[in-house]
Amino acid sequence: MKLPVFFSMLFMLLSQAITLSAQETAPKVQMAENFYGEGKIYIVIAVMTIIFVGLIIYMIRLERKIKQLEQKDFRN
């Protein structure tokens, strides 16, 4: 996957998530309210961000390794 295509897909995904979170018509979830009230929601968001960034880094490294293997295969 080319990097500009990857970032455009990532942008579309994040823009959808922001749009959905901005809607106030959804019923309130008790667990989420508790996390927010106790300040633990930031820990949940941080863990989710770390996992998401880790997956992105893993995918980029995997893509580079695949490209190297393809180039090595074409040389032989």
PDB file of N, CA and C in Angstrom:
ATOM      1  N   MET A   1       0.858  -1.171   0.000  1.00  0.00           N
ATOM      2  CA  MET A   1       0.000   0.000   0.000  1.00  0.00           C
ATOM      3  C   MET A   1       0.904   1.234   0.000  1.00  0.00           C
ATOM      4  N   LYS A   2       0.617   2.145  -0.871  1.00  0.00           N
ATOM      5  CA  LYS A   2       1.420   3.358  -0.930  1.00  0.00           C
ATOM      6  C   LYS A   2       1.080   4.254   0.254  1.00  0.00           C
ATOM      7  N   LEU A   3       2.078   5.001   0.689  1.00  0.00           N
ATOM      8  CA  LEU A   3       1.923   5.820   1.886  1.00  0.00           C
ATOM      9  C   LEU A   3       0.831   6.888   1.753  1.00  0.00           C
ATOM     10  N   PRO A   4       0.720   7.634   0.635  1.00  0.00           N
ATOM     11  CA  PRO A   4      -0.372   8.613   0.538  1.00  0.00           C
ATOM     12  C   PRO A   4      -1.754   7.967   0.597  1.00  0.00           C
ATOM     13  N   VAL A   5      -1.895   6.791   0.007  1.00  0.00           N
ATOM     14  CA  VAL A   5      -3.182   6.099   0.050  1.00  0.00           C
ATOM     15  C   VAL A   5      -3.489   5.696   1.486  1.00  0.00           C
ATOM     16  N   PHE A   6      -2.460   5.221   2.187  1.00  0.00           N
ATOM     17  CA  PHE A   6      -2.627   4.818   3.584  1.00  0.00           C
ATOM     18  C   PHE A   6      -3.080   5.994   4.439  1.00  0.00           C
ATOM     19  N   PHE A   7      -2.434   7.155   4.285  1.00  0.00           N
ATOM     20  CA  PHE A   7      -2.806   8.311   5.094  1.00  0.00           C
ATOM     21  C   PHE A   7      -4.182   8.850   4.728  1.00  0.00           C
ATOM     22  N   SER A   8      -4.566   8.768   3.465  1.00  0.00           N
ATOM     23  CA  SER A   8      -5.905   9.229   3.103  1.00  0.00           C
ATOM     24  C   SER A   8      -6.969   8.299   3.684  1.00  0.00           C
ATOM     25  N   MET A   9      -6.687   6.982   3.709  1.00  0.00           N
ATOM     26  CA  MET A   9      -7.638   6.057   4.330  1.00  0.00           C
ATOM     27  C   MET A   9      -7.702   6.294   5.838  1.00  0.00           C
ATOM     28  N   LEU A  10      -6.563   6.553   6.454  1.00  0.00           N
ATOM     29  CA  LEU A  10      -6.524   6.839   7.883  1.00  0.00           C
ATOM     30  C   LEU A  10      -7.306   8.112   8.196  1.00  0.00           C
ATOM     31  N   PHE A  11      -7.157   9.131   7.369  1.00  0.00           N
ATOM     32  CA  PHE A  11      -7.889  10.383   7.574  1.00  0.00           C
ATOM     33  C   PHE A  11      -9.394  10.166   7.470  1.00  0.00           C
ATOM     34  N   MET A  12      -9.813   9.379   6.493  1.00  0.00           N
ATOM     35  CA  MET A  12     -11.246   9.120   6.343  1.00  0.00           C
ATOM     36  C   MET A  12     -11.792   8.361   7.549  1.00  0.00           C
ATOM     37  N   LEU A  13     -11.026   7.402   8.041  1.00  0.00           N
ATOM     38  CA  LEU A  13     -11.449   6.635   9.207  1.00  0.00           C
ATOM     39  C   LEU A  13     -11.573   7.528  10.438  1.00  0.00           C
ATOM     40  N   LEU A  14     -10.579   8.370  10.660  1.00  0.00           N
ATOM     41  CA  LEU A  14     -10.613   9.255  11.825  1.00  0.00           C
ATOM     42  C   LEU A  14     -11.705  10.310  11.712  1.00  0.00           C
ATOM     43  N   SER A  15     -11.952  10.805  10.509  1.00  0.00           N
ATOM     44  CA  SER A  15     -13.001  11.803  10.358  1.00  0.00           C
ATOM     45  C   SER A  15     -14.370  11.202  10.644  1.00  0.00           C
ATOM     46  N   GLN A  16     -14.571   9.940  10.289  1.00  0.00           N
ATOM     47  CA  GLN A  16     -15.827   9.276  10.613  1.00  0.00           C
ATOM     48  C   GLN A  16     -15.982   9.098  12.119  1.00  0.00           C
ATOM     49  N   ALA A  17     -14.896   8.759  12.795  1.00  0.00           N
ATOM     50  CA  ALA A  17     -14.953   8.566  14.239  1.00  0.00           C
ATOM     51  C   ALA A  17     -15.263   9.882  14.944  1.00  0.00           C
ATOM     52  N   ILE A  18     -14.693  10.976  14.471  1.00  0.00           N
ATOM     53  CA  ILE A  18     -14.951  12.285  15.075  1.00  0.00           C
ATOM     54  C   ILE A  18     -16.401  12.681  14.839  1.00  0.00           C
ATOM     55  N   THR A  19     -16.914  12.435  13.649  1.00  0.00           N
ATOM     56  CA  THR A  19     -18.302  12.769  13.336  1.00  0.00           C
ATOM     57  C   THR A  19     -19.259  11.980  14.221  1.00  0.00           C
ATOM     58  N   LEU A  20     -18.978  10.700  14.392  1.00  0.00           N
ATOM     59  CA  LEU A  20     -19.857   9.876  15.210  1.00  0.00           C
ATOM     60  C   LEU A  20     -19.792  10.264  16.686  1.00  0.00           C
ATOM     61  N   SER A  21     -18.626  10.662  17.173  1.00  0.00           N
ATOM     62  CA  SER A  21     -18.513  11.030  18.581  1.00  0.00           C
ATOM     63  C   SER A  21     -19.136  12.394  18.864  1.00  0.00           C
ATOM     64  N   ALA A  22     -19.327  13.199  17.835  1.00  0.00           N
ATOM     65  CA  ALA A  22     -19.890  14.530  18.036  1.00  0.00           C
ATOM     66  C   ALA A  22     -21.403  14.502  18.196  1.00  0.00           C
ATOM     67  N   GLN A  23     -22.034  13.399  17.876  1.00  0.00           N
ATOM     68  CA  GLN A  23     -23.479  13.314  17.970  1.00  0.00           C
ATOM     69  C   GLN A  23     -23.889  13.058  19.418  1.00  0.00           C
ATOM     70  N   GLU A  24     -24.821  13.827  19.910  1.00  0.00           N
ATOM     71  CA  GLU A  24     -25.274  13.725  21.297  1.00  0.00           C
ATOM     72  C   GLU A  24     -26.576  12.944  21.446  1.00  0.00           C
ATOM     73  N   THR A  25     -27.083  12.381  20.360  1.00  0.00           N
ATOM     74  CA  THR A  25     -28.378  11.708  20.442  1.00  0.00           C
ATOM     75  C   THR A  25     -28.284  10.297  21.010  1.00  0.00           C
ATOM     76  N   ALA A  26     -27.091   9.742  21.085  1.00  0.00           N
ATOM     77  CA  ALA A  26     -26.926   8.378  21.587  1.00  0.00           C
ATOM     78  C   ALA A  26     -27.150   8.348  23.098  1.00  0.00           C
ATOM     79  N   PRO A  27     -27.725   7.264  23.600  1.00  0.00           N
ATOM     80  CA  PRO A  27     -27.914   7.161  25.054  1.00  0.00           C
ATOM     81  C   PRO A  27     -26.571   7.048  25.767  1.00  0.00           C
ATOM     82  N   LYS A  28     -26.507   7.552  26.972  1.00  0.00           N
ATOM     83  CA  LYS A  28     -25.263   7.553  27.734  1.00  0.00           C
ATOM     84  C   LYS A  28     -24.985   6.150  28.264  1.00  0.00           C
ATOM     85  N   VAL A  29     -23.740   5.755  28.198  1.00  0.00           N
ATOM     86  CA  VAL A  29     -23.314   4.446  28.677  1.00  0.00           C
ATOM     87  C   VAL A  29     -22.756   4.623  30.086  1.00  0.00           C
ATOM     88  N   GLN A  30     -23.261   3.824  31.010  1.00  0.00           N
ATOM     89  CA  GLN A  30     -22.890   3.980  32.409  1.00  0.00           C
ATOM     90  C   GLN A  30     -21.393   3.774  32.627  1.00  0.00           C
ATOM     91  N   MET A  31     -20.800   2.762  31.996  1.00  0.00           N
ATOM     92  CA  MET A  31     -19.384   2.498  32.186  1.00  0.00           C
ATOM     93  C   MET A  31     -18.541   3.665  31.685  1.00  0.00           C
ATOM     94  N   ALA A  32     -18.912   4.220  30.534  1.00  0.00           N
ATOM     95  CA  ALA A  32     -18.176   5.354  29.984  1.00  0.00           C
ATOM     96  C   ALA A  32     -18.319   6.575  30.898  1.00  0.00           C
ATOM     97  N   GLU A  33     -19.502   6.778  31.435  1.00  0.00           N
ATOM     98  CA  GLU A  33     -19.709   7.897  32.350  1.00  0.00           C
ATOM     99  C   GLU A  33     -18.857   7.743  33.614  1.00  0.00           C
ATOM    100  N   ASN A  34     -18.745   6.515  34.112  1.00  0.00           N
ATOM    101  CA  ASN A  34     -17.909   6.278  35.287  1.00  0.00           C
ATOM    102  C   ASN A  34     -16.444   6.548  34.983  1.00  0.00           C
ATOM    103  N   PHE A  35     -15.979   6.058  33.835  1.00  0.00           N
ATOM    104  CA  PHE A  35     -14.586   6.302  33.457  1.00  0.00           C
ATOM    105  C   PHE A  35     -14.319   7.792  33.324  1.00  0.00           C
ATOM    106  N   TYR A  36     -15.258   8.498  32.703  1.00  0.00           N
ATOM    107  CA  TYR A  36     -15.076   9.936  32.511  1.00  0.00           C
ATOM    108  C   TYR A  36     -15.115  10.668  33.845  1.00  0.00           C
ATOM    109  N   GLY A  37     -16.022  10.292  34.703  1.00  0.00           N
ATOM    110  CA  GLY A  37     -16.151  10.953  35.999  1.00  0.00           C
ATOM    111  C   GLY A  37     -14.944  10.736  36.896  1.00  0.00           C
ATOM    112  N   GLU A  38     -14.328   9.548  36.807  1.00  0.00           N
ATOM    113  CA  GLU A  38     -13.171   9.250  37.639  1.00  0.00           C
ATOM    114  C   GLU A  38     -11.854   9.632  36.972  1.00  0.00           C
ATOM    115  N   GLY A  39     -11.897  10.115  35.746  1.00  0.00           N
ATOM    116  CA  GLY A  39     -10.686  10.527  35.049  1.00  0.00           C
ATOM    117  C   GLY A  39      -9.935   9.374  34.407  1.00  0.00           C
ATOM    118  N   LYS A  40     -10.509   8.186  34.400  1.00  0.00           N
ATOM    119  CA  LYS A  40      -9.835   7.025  33.822  1.00  0.00           C
ATOM    120  C   LYS A  40     -10.008   6.942  32.312  1.00  0.00           C
ATOM    121  N   ILE A  41     -10.880   7.748  31.761  1.00  0.00           N
ATOM    122  CA  ILE A  41     -11.105   7.717  30.324  1.00  0.00           C
ATOM    123  C   ILE A  41      -9.843   8.087  29.567  1.00  0.00           C
ATOM    124  N   TYR A  42      -9.010   8.933  30.152  1.00  0.00           N
ATOM    125  CA  TYR A  42      -7.772   9.331  29.505  1.00  0.00           C
ATOM    126  C   TYR A  42      -6.793   8.165  29.430  1.00  0.00           C
ATOM    127  N   ILE A  43      -6.815   7.298  30.420  1.00  0.00           N
ATOM    128  CA  ILE A  43      -5.970   6.107  30.391  1.00  0.00           C
ATOM    129  C   ILE A  43      -6.458   5.163  29.294  1.00  0.00           C
ATOM    130  N   VAL A  44      -7.759   5.006  29.188  1.00  0.00           N
ATOM    131  CA  VAL A  44      -8.325   4.150  28.136  1.00  0.00           C
ATOM    132  C   VAL A  44      -7.962   4.688  26.758  1.00  0.00           C
ATOM    133  N   ILE A  45      -8.084   5.985  26.571  1.00  0.00           N
ATOM    134  CA  ILE A  45      -7.741   6.605  25.289  1.00  0.00           C
ATOM    135  C   ILE A  45      -6.253   6.454  25.010  1.00  0.00           C
ATOM    136  N   ALA A  46      -5.407   6.615  26.029  1.00  0.00           N
ATOM    137  CA  ALA A  46      -3.965   6.474  25.846  1.00  0.00           C
ATOM    138  C   ALA A  46      -3.603   5.046  25.433  1.00  0.00           C
ATOM    139  N   VAL A  47      -4.202   4.062  26.081  1.00  0.00           N
ATOM    140  CA  VAL A  47      -3.918   2.664  25.733  1.00  0.00           C
ATOM    141  C   VAL A  47      -4.380   2.370  24.315  1.00  0.00           C
ATOM    142  N   MET A  48      -5.565   2.844  23.949  1.00  0.00           N
ATOM    143  CA  MET A  48      -6.056   2.627  22.596  1.00  0.00           C
ATOM    144  C   MET A  48      -5.152   3.297  21.568  1.00  0.00           C
ATOM    145  N   THR A  49      -4.659   4.484  21.873  1.00  0.00           N
ATOM    146  CA  THR A  49      -3.762   5.201  20.970  1.00  0.00           C
ATOM    147  C   THR A  49      -2.451   4.444  20.806  1.00  0.00           C
ATOM    148  N   ILE A  50      -1.902   3.933  21.911  1.00  0.00           N
ATOM    149  CA  ILE A  50      -0.655   3.173  21.843  1.00  0.00           C
ATOM    150  C   ILE A  50      -0.838   1.927  20.986  1.00  0.00           C
ATOM    151  N   ILE A  51      -1.940   1.226  21.168  1.00  0.00           N
ATOM    152  CA  ILE A  51      -2.200   0.031  20.367  1.00  0.00           C
ATOM    153  C   ILE A  51      -2.351   0.397  18.890  1.00  0.00           C
ATOM    154  N   PHE A  52      -3.080   1.459  18.604  1.00  0.00           N
ATOM    155  CA  PHE A  52      -3.306   1.884  17.217  1.00  0.00           C
ATOM    156  C   PHE A  52      -1.998   2.296  16.550  1.00  0.00           C
ATOM    157  N   VAL A  53      -1.182   3.079  17.259  1.00  0.00           N
ATOM    158  CA  VAL A  53       0.112   3.510  16.705  1.00  0.00           C
ATOM    159  C   VAL A  53       1.018   2.301  16.501  1.00  0.00           C
ATOM    160  N   GLY A  54       0.989   1.359  17.442  1.00  0.00           N
ATOM    161  CA  GLY A  54       1.791   0.147  17.293  1.00  0.00           C
ATOM    162  C   GLY A  54       1.391  -0.650  16.069  1.00  0.00           C
ATOM    163  N   LEU A  55       0.105  -0.761  15.820  1.00  0.00           N
ATOM    164  CA  LEU A  55      -0.369  -1.469  14.632  1.00  0.00           C
ATOM    165  C   LEU A  55       0.061  -0.763  13.345  1.00  0.00           C
ATOM    166  N   ILE A  56       0.014   0.547  13.342  1.00  0.00           N
ATOM    167  CA  ILE A  56       0.437   1.313  12.159  1.00  0.00           C
ATOM    168  C   ILE A  56       1.925   1.098  11.906  1.00  0.00           C
ATOM    169  N   ILE A  57       2.733   1.177  12.961  1.00  0.00           N
ATOM    170  CA  ILE A  57       4.176   0.966  12.809  1.00  0.00           C
ATOM    171  C   ILE A  57       4.451  -0.451  12.323  1.00  0.00           C
ATOM    172  N   TYR A  58       3.757  -1.422  12.879  1.00  0.00           N
ATOM    173  CA  TYR A  58       3.922  -2.809  12.452  1.00  0.00           C
ATOM    174  C   TYR A  58       3.583  -2.977  10.971  1.00  0.00           C
ATOM    175  N   MET A  59       2.497  -2.371  10.526  1.00  0.00           N
ATOM    176  CA  MET A  59       2.097  -2.487   9.128  1.00  0.00           C
ATOM    177  C   MET A  59       3.111  -1.830   8.197  1.00  0.00           C
ATOM    178  N   ILE A  60       3.649  -0.690   8.599  1.00  0.00           N
ATOM    179  CA  ILE A  60       4.651  -0.006   7.774  1.00  0.00           C
ATOM    180  C   ILE A  60       5.918  -0.847   7.676  1.00  0.00           C
ATOM    181  N   ARG A  61       6.374  -1.408   8.807  1.00  0.00           N
ATOM    182  CA  ARG A  61       7.572  -2.252   8.783  1.00  0.00           C
ATOM    183  C   ARG A  61       7.339  -3.507   7.952  1.00  0.00           C
ATOM    184  N   LEU A  62       6.166  -4.098   8.070  1.00  0.00           N
ATOM    185  CA  LEU A  62       5.841  -5.281   7.295  1.00  0.00           C
ATOM    186  C   LEU A  62       5.831  -4.974   5.800  1.00  0.00           C
ATOM    187  N   GLU A  63       5.299  -3.840   5.441  1.00  0.00           N
ATOM    188  CA  GLU A  63       5.262  -3.428   4.036  1.00  0.00           C
ATOM    189  C   GLU A  63       6.678  -3.272   3.490  1.00  0.00           C
ATOM    190  N   ARG A  64       7.564  -2.673   4.272  1.00  0.00           N
ATOM    191  CA  ARG A  64       8.956  -2.506   3.833  1.00  0.00           C
ATOM    192  C   ARG A  64       9.646  -3.860   3.660  1.00  0.00           C
ATOM    193  N   LYS A  65       9.409  -4.787   4.570  1.00  0.00           N
ATOM    194  CA  LYS A  65      10.017  -6.110   4.460  1.00  0.00           C
ATOM    195  C   LYS A  65       9.502  -6.848   3.226  1.00  0.00           C
ATOM    196  N   ILE A  66       8.228  -6.711   2.946  1.00  0.00           N
ATOM    197  CA  ILE A  66       7.656  -7.363   1.769  1.00  0.00           C
ATOM    198  C   ILE A  66       8.266  -6.783   0.500  1.00  0.00           C
ATOM    199  N   LYS A  67       8.446  -5.460   0.466  1.00  0.00           N
ATOM    200  CA  LYS A  67       9.071  -4.830  -0.700  1.00  0.00           C
ATOM    201  C   LYS A  67      10.487  -5.347  -0.898  1.00  0.00           C
ATOM    202  N   GLN A  68      11.241  -5.481   0.197  1.00  0.00           N
ATOM    203  CA  GLN A  68      12.606  -5.993   0.087  1.00  0.00           C
ATOM    204  C   GLN A  68      12.611  -7.418  -0.436  1.00  0.00           C
ATOM    205  N   LEU A  69      11.702  -8.252   0.051  1.00  0.00           N
ATOM    206  CA  LEU A  69      11.632  -9.629  -0.425  1.00  0.00           C
ATOM    207  C   LEU A  69      11.241  -9.693  -1.897  1.00  0.00           C
ATOM    208  N   GLU A  70      10.326  -8.830  -2.309  1.00  0.00           N
ATOM    209  CA  GLU A  70       9.929  -8.799  -3.719  1.00  0.00           C
ATOM    210  C   GLU A  70      11.092  -8.376  -4.597  1.00  0.00           C
ATOM    211  N   GLN A  71      11.832  -7.366  -4.185  1.00  0.00           N
ATOM    212  CA  GLN A  71      12.972  -6.900  -4.963  1.00  0.00           C
ATOM    213  C   GLN A  71      14.066  -7.971  -5.015  1.00  0.00           C
ATOM    214  N   LYS A  72      14.276  -8.666  -3.914  1.00  0.00           N
ATOM    215  CA  LYS A  72      15.261  -9.739  -3.866  1.00  0.00           C
ATOM    216  C   LYS A  72      14.842 -10.884  -4.786  1.00  0.00           C
ATOM    217  N   ASP A  73      13.551 -11.197  -4.809  1.00  0.00           N
ATOM    218  CA  ASP A  73      13.047 -12.266  -5.651  1.00  0.00           C
ATOM    219  C   ASP A  73      13.180 -11.922  -7.123  1.00  0.00           C
ATOM    220  N   PHE A  74      12.961 -10.689  -7.527  1.00  0.00           N
ATOM    221  CA  PHE A  74      13.061 -10.281  -8.909  1.00  0.00           C
ATOM    222  C   PHE A  74      14.511 -10.259  -9.389  1.00  0.00           C
ATOM    223  N   ARG A  75      15.450 -10.057  -8.498  1.00  0.00           N
ATOM    224  CA  ARG A  75      16.866 -10.038  -8.877  1.00  0.00           C
ATOM    225  C   ARG A  75      17.356 -11.438  -9.230  1.00  0.00           C
ATOM    226  N   ASN A  76      16.814 -12.449  -8.578  1.00  0.00           N
ATOM    227  CA  ASN A  76      17.286 -13.828  -8.819  1.00  0.00           C
ATOM    228  C   ASN A  76      16.604 -14.473  -9.956  1.00  0.00           C
TER     229      ASN A  76
END
